[in-house]
Amino acid sequence: MKRITVAVCLDDEGGMMFNNRRQSRDRVLIAELLSSTEGRIVIHPYSAMLFGDSERVFISENPLEDAAEGDICFIEQLPIAPLLSYVGRFIIYRWNRLYPRDKSFDVDVASAGFSLLSETEFVGSSHEKITKGIYER
């Protein structure tokens, strides 16, 4: 069975979206994500504007299903729990802020058997501090 990496951006309470929009965006975060792999970044069409014309980005209506082993699947608005068996690693970017939300991250990483491997912080273009956590099972 394939094992993919899923990257998400969350606020302090696990929020992902509000009123059918992303809570925030940050160009430094996207550049950091692109530099995290030599493989593809698989995204939903909703996320395409964030990545510009990068040749390493693959756009799919079903990114979790279409991602191959070694790809990073960037998810903003889709449920992840139904396809959790495909996920071997999470990259969780935390905004370190609380935003309004009506869609939240649907995975409890600890209960699903993921452990924190590393955590780093960096300055984004729109956030003074973004925390990147890598979780693996």
C-alpha atoms as a PDB file:
ATOM      1  CA  MET A   1       0.000   0.000   0.000  1.00  0.00           C
ATOM      2  CA  LYS A   2       1.253   3.469  -0.846  1.00  0.00           C
ATOM      3  CA  ARG A   3       2.290   5.868   1.905  1.00  0.00           C
ATOM      4  CA  ILE A   4       2.085   9.558   1.145  1.00  0.00           C
ATOM      5  CA  THR A   5       2.900  12.731   3.017  1.00  0.00           C
ATOM      6  CA  VAL A   6       0.049  15.144   3.671  1.00  0.00           C
ATOM      7  CA  ALA A   7       0.734  18.820   4.387  1.00  0.00           C
ATOM      8  CA  VAL A   8      -1.882  21.029   6.057  1.00  0.00           C
ATOM      9  CA  CYS A   9      -2.051  24.537   7.534  1.00  0.00           C
ATOM     10  CA  LEU A  10      -3.881  24.899  10.846  1.00  0.00           C
ATOM     11  CA  ASP A  11      -4.758  27.581  13.332  1.00  0.00           C
ATOM     12  CA  ASP A  12      -4.375  27.068  17.095  1.00  0.00           C
ATOM     13  CA  GLU A  13      -7.580  25.017  17.337  1.00  0.00           C
ATOM     14  CA  GLY A  14      -7.130  22.941  14.187  1.00  0.00           C
ATOM     15  CA  GLY A  15      -9.125  25.247  11.930  1.00  0.00           C
ATOM     16  CA  MET A  16      -8.512  25.017   8.179  1.00  0.00           C
ATOM     17  CA  MET A  17     -11.249  27.012   6.427  1.00  0.00           C
ATOM     18  CA  PHE A  18     -13.807  29.705   7.146  1.00  0.00           C
ATOM     19  CA  ASN A  19     -16.777  30.503   4.943  1.00  0.00           C
ATOM     20  CA  ASN A  20     -15.371  28.296   2.136  1.00  0.00           C
ATOM     21  CA  ARG A  21     -12.051  30.190   2.123  1.00  0.00           C
ATOM     22  CA  ARG A  22      -8.592  29.418   3.425  1.00  0.00           C
ATOM     23  CA  GLN A  23      -7.907  31.142   6.722  1.00  0.00           C
ATOM     24  CA  SER A  24      -4.608  32.565   5.569  1.00  0.00           C
ATOM     25  CA  ARG A  25      -1.880  32.155   2.985  1.00  0.00           C
ATOM     26  CA  ASP A  26       1.822  32.735   3.119  1.00  0.00           C
ATOM     27  CA  ARG A  27       4.227  32.707   0.180  1.00  0.00           C
ATOM     28  CA  VAL A  28       7.248  31.811   2.358  1.00  0.00           C
ATOM     29  CA  LEU A  29       5.368  28.751   3.621  1.00  0.00           C
ATOM     30  CA  ILE A  30       4.647  27.640   0.044  1.00  0.00           C
ATOM     31  CA  ALA A  31       8.326  28.101  -0.899  1.00  0.00           C
ATOM     32  CA  GLU A  32       9.333  26.109   2.186  1.00  0.00           C
ATOM     33  CA  LEU A  33       6.918  23.322   1.248  1.00  0.00           C
ATOM     34  CA  LEU A  34       8.256  23.187  -2.317  1.00  0.00           C
ATOM     35  CA  SER A  35      11.800  22.919  -0.972  1.00  0.00           C
ATOM     36  CA  SER A  36      10.760  20.031   1.323  1.00  0.00           C
ATOM     37  CA  THR A  37      10.710  17.507  -1.504  1.00  0.00           C
ATOM     38  CA  GLU A  38      12.257  16.754  -4.844  1.00  0.00           C
ATOM     39  CA  GLY A  39       9.048  14.981  -5.824  1.00  0.00           C
ATOM     40  CA  ARG A  40       5.652  16.291  -6.760  1.00  0.00           C
ATOM     41  CA  ILE A  41       3.275  18.390  -4.729  1.00  0.00           C
ATOM     42  CA  VAL A  42      -0.240  17.127  -5.444  1.00  0.00           C
ATOM     43  CA  ILE A  43      -2.972  19.692  -4.893  1.00  0.00           C
ATOM     44  CA  HIS A  44      -6.669  20.288  -5.463  1.00  0.00           C
ATOM     45  CA  PRO A  45      -7.532  22.974  -8.081  1.00  0.00           C
ATOM     46  CA  TYR A  46      -8.605  25.251  -5.195  1.00  0.00           C
ATOM     47  CA  SER A  47      -4.939  25.506  -4.116  1.00  0.00           C
ATOM     48  CA  ALA A  48      -3.462  26.133  -7.579  1.00  0.00           C
ATOM     49  CA  MET A  49      -3.214  29.914  -7.174  1.00  0.00           C
ATOM     50  CA  LEU A  50      -0.849  29.472  -4.228  1.00  0.00           C
ATOM     51  CA  PHE A  51       1.750  27.568  -6.244  1.00  0.00           C
ATOM     52  CA  GLY A  52       1.962  29.649  -9.412  1.00  0.00           C
ATOM     53  CA  ASP A  53       3.451  27.831 -12.369  1.00  0.00           C
ATOM     54  CA  SER A  54       5.749  25.379 -10.583  1.00  0.00           C
ATOM     55  CA  GLU A  55       6.399  22.375 -12.811  1.00  0.00           C
ATOM     56  CA  ARG A  56       6.472  20.085  -9.760  1.00  0.00           C
ATOM     57  CA  VAL A  57       2.845  20.731  -8.889  1.00  0.00           C
ATOM     58  CA  PHE A  58       0.245  18.208 -10.044  1.00  0.00           C
ATOM     59  CA  ILE A  59      -3.389  19.354  -9.886  1.00  0.00           C
ATOM     60  CA  SER A  60      -6.052  16.752  -9.171  1.00  0.00           C
ATOM     61  CA  GLU A  61      -9.707  16.733  -8.146  1.00  0.00           C
ATOM     62  CA  ASN A  62      -8.753  13.773  -5.898  1.00  0.00           C
ATOM     63  CA  PRO A  63      -5.253  14.574  -4.636  1.00  0.00           C
ATOM     64  CA  LEU A  64      -5.167  11.981  -1.839  1.00  0.00           C
ATOM     65  CA  GLU A  65      -6.118   9.224  -4.246  1.00  0.00           C
ATOM     66  CA  ASP A  66      -3.883  10.392  -7.097  1.00  0.00           C
ATOM     67  CA  ALA A  67      -0.733  11.043  -5.056  1.00  0.00           C
ATOM     68  CA  ALA A  68       2.022   8.471  -5.464  1.00  0.00           C
ATOM     69  CA  GLU A  69       4.481   7.252  -2.881  1.00  0.00           C
ATOM     70  CA  GLY A  70       7.010  10.031  -2.283  1.00  0.00           C
ATOM     71  CA  ASP A  71       4.603  12.835  -3.223  1.00  0.00           C
ATOM     72  CA  ILE A  72       3.462  15.520  -0.818  1.00  0.00           C
ATOM     73  CA  CYS A  73      -0.259  16.087  -0.912  1.00  0.00           C
ATOM     74  CA  PHE A  74      -1.199  19.640   0.145  1.00  0.00           C
ATOM     75  CA  ILE A  75      -4.736  19.680   1.534  1.00  0.00           C
ATOM     76  CA  GLU A  76      -6.696  22.801   2.436  1.00  0.00           C
ATOM     77  CA  GLN A  77     -10.359  21.882   2.311  1.00  0.00           C
ATOM     78  CA  LEU A  78     -10.777  18.137   1.792  1.00  0.00           C
ATOM     79  CA  PRO A  79     -11.441  15.514   4.467  1.00  0.00           C
ATOM     80  CA  ILE A  80      -8.401  13.369   5.189  1.00  0.00           C
ATOM     81  CA  ALA A  81      -9.746  10.798   7.663  1.00  0.00           C
ATOM     82  CA  PRO A  82     -11.496   8.632   5.023  1.00  0.00           C
ATOM     83  CA  LEU A  83      -8.140   7.991   3.297  1.00  0.00           C
ATOM     84  CA  LEU A  84      -5.941   8.015   6.418  1.00  0.00           C
ATOM     85  CA  SER A  85      -4.603   4.545   5.590  1.00  0.00           C
ATOM     86  CA  TYR A  86      -2.643   6.141   2.697  1.00  0.00           C
ATOM     87  CA  VAL A  87      -0.894   8.630   4.992  1.00  0.00           C
ATOM     88  CA  GLY A  88       2.514   7.770   6.409  1.00  0.00           C
ATOM     89  CA  ARG A  89       3.552  11.293   7.349  1.00  0.00           C
ATOM     90  CA  PHE A  90       1.970  14.647   8.118  1.00  0.00           C
ATOM     91  CA  ILE A  91       3.603  18.029   7.728  1.00  0.00           C
ATOM     92  CA  ILE A  92       1.532  20.353   9.887  1.00  0.00           C
ATOM     93  CA  TYR A  93       2.133  24.059   9.548  1.00  0.00           C
ATOM     94  CA  ARG A  94       0.645  26.040  12.420  1.00  0.00           C
ATOM     95  CA  TRP A  95      -0.196  29.691  12.020  1.00  0.00           C
ATOM     96  CA  ASN A  96       0.111  30.199  15.813  1.00  0.00           C
ATOM     97  CA  ARG A  97      -3.056  32.277  15.692  1.00  0.00           C
ATOM     98  CA  LEU A  98      -6.733  31.708  16.162  1.00  0.00           C
ATOM     99  CA  TYR A  99      -8.900  32.405  13.133  1.00  0.00           C
ATOM    100  CA  PRO A 100     -12.644  32.013  12.604  1.00  0.00           C
ATOM    101  CA  ARG A 101     -13.303  28.525  11.257  1.00  0.00           C
ATOM    102  CA  ASP A 102     -16.058  26.331   9.992  1.00  0.00           C
ATOM    103  CA  LYS A 103     -13.886  23.486   8.729  1.00  0.00           C
ATOM    104  CA  SER A 104     -11.332  21.776  10.957  1.00  0.00           C
ATOM    105  CA  PHE A 105      -8.618  19.185  10.553  1.00  0.00           C
ATOM    106  CA  ASP A 106     -10.377  15.824  10.838  1.00  0.00           C
ATOM    107  CA  VAL A 107      -7.492  13.709  12.149  1.00  0.00           C
ATOM    108  CA  ASP A 108      -6.225  13.349  15.710  1.00  0.00           C
ATOM    109  CA  VAL A 109      -2.616  12.536  14.839  1.00  0.00           C
ATOM    110  CA  ALA A 110      -1.765  11.035  18.235  1.00  0.00           C
ATOM    111  CA  SER A 111      -4.817   8.743  18.276  1.00  0.00           C
ATOM    112  CA  ALA A 112      -4.040   7.694  14.701  1.00  0.00           C
ATOM    113  CA  GLY A 113      -0.571   6.521  15.759  1.00  0.00           C
ATOM    114  CA  PHE A 114       1.553   9.444  14.526  1.00  0.00           C
ATOM    115  CA  SER A 115       4.471  10.761  16.584  1.00  0.00           C
ATOM    116  CA  LEU A 116       6.211  14.114  16.335  1.00  0.00           C
ATOM    117  CA  LEU A 117       9.616  13.646  14.648  1.00  0.00           C
ATOM    118  CA  SER A 118      10.709  17.269  14.450  1.00  0.00           C
ATOM    119  CA  GLU A 119       9.479  20.784  14.940  1.00  0.00           C
ATOM    120  CA  THR A 120      10.940  23.987  13.540  1.00  0.00           C
ATOM    121  CA  GLU A 121       9.860  27.597  13.329  1.00  0.00           C
ATOM    122  CA  PHE A 122      10.335  30.145  10.597  1.00  0.00           C
ATOM    123  CA  VAL A 123       9.214  33.663   9.750  1.00  0.00           C
ATOM    124  CA  GLY A 124       6.622  33.821   7.005  1.00  0.00           C
ATOM    125  CA  SER A 125       5.560  36.623   4.708  1.00  0.00           C
ATOM    126  CA  SER A 126       2.329  37.195   6.627  1.00  0.00           C
ATOM    127  CA  HIS A 127       3.082  35.580   9.995  1.00  0.00           C
ATOM    128  CA  GLU A 128       5.877  36.382  12.440  1.00  0.00           C
ATOM    129  CA  LYS A 129       6.082  32.729  13.421  1.00  0.00           C
ATOM    130  CA  ILE A 130       4.998  29.596  11.565  1.00  0.00           C
ATOM    131  CA  THR A 131       5.633  26.262  13.252  1.00  0.00           C
ATOM    132  CA  LYS A 132       6.325  23.222  11.091  1.00  0.00           C
ATOM    133  CA  GLY A 133       5.783  19.843  12.721  1.00  0.00           C
ATOM    134  CA  ILE A 134       6.585  16.550  11.029  1.00  0.00           C
ATOM    135  CA  TYR A 135       4.627  13.549  12.294  1.00  0.00           C
ATOM    136  CA  GLU A 136       5.177   9.958  11.246  1.00  0.00           C
ATOM    137  CA  ARG A 137       3.802   6.549  12.110  1.00  0.00           C
END
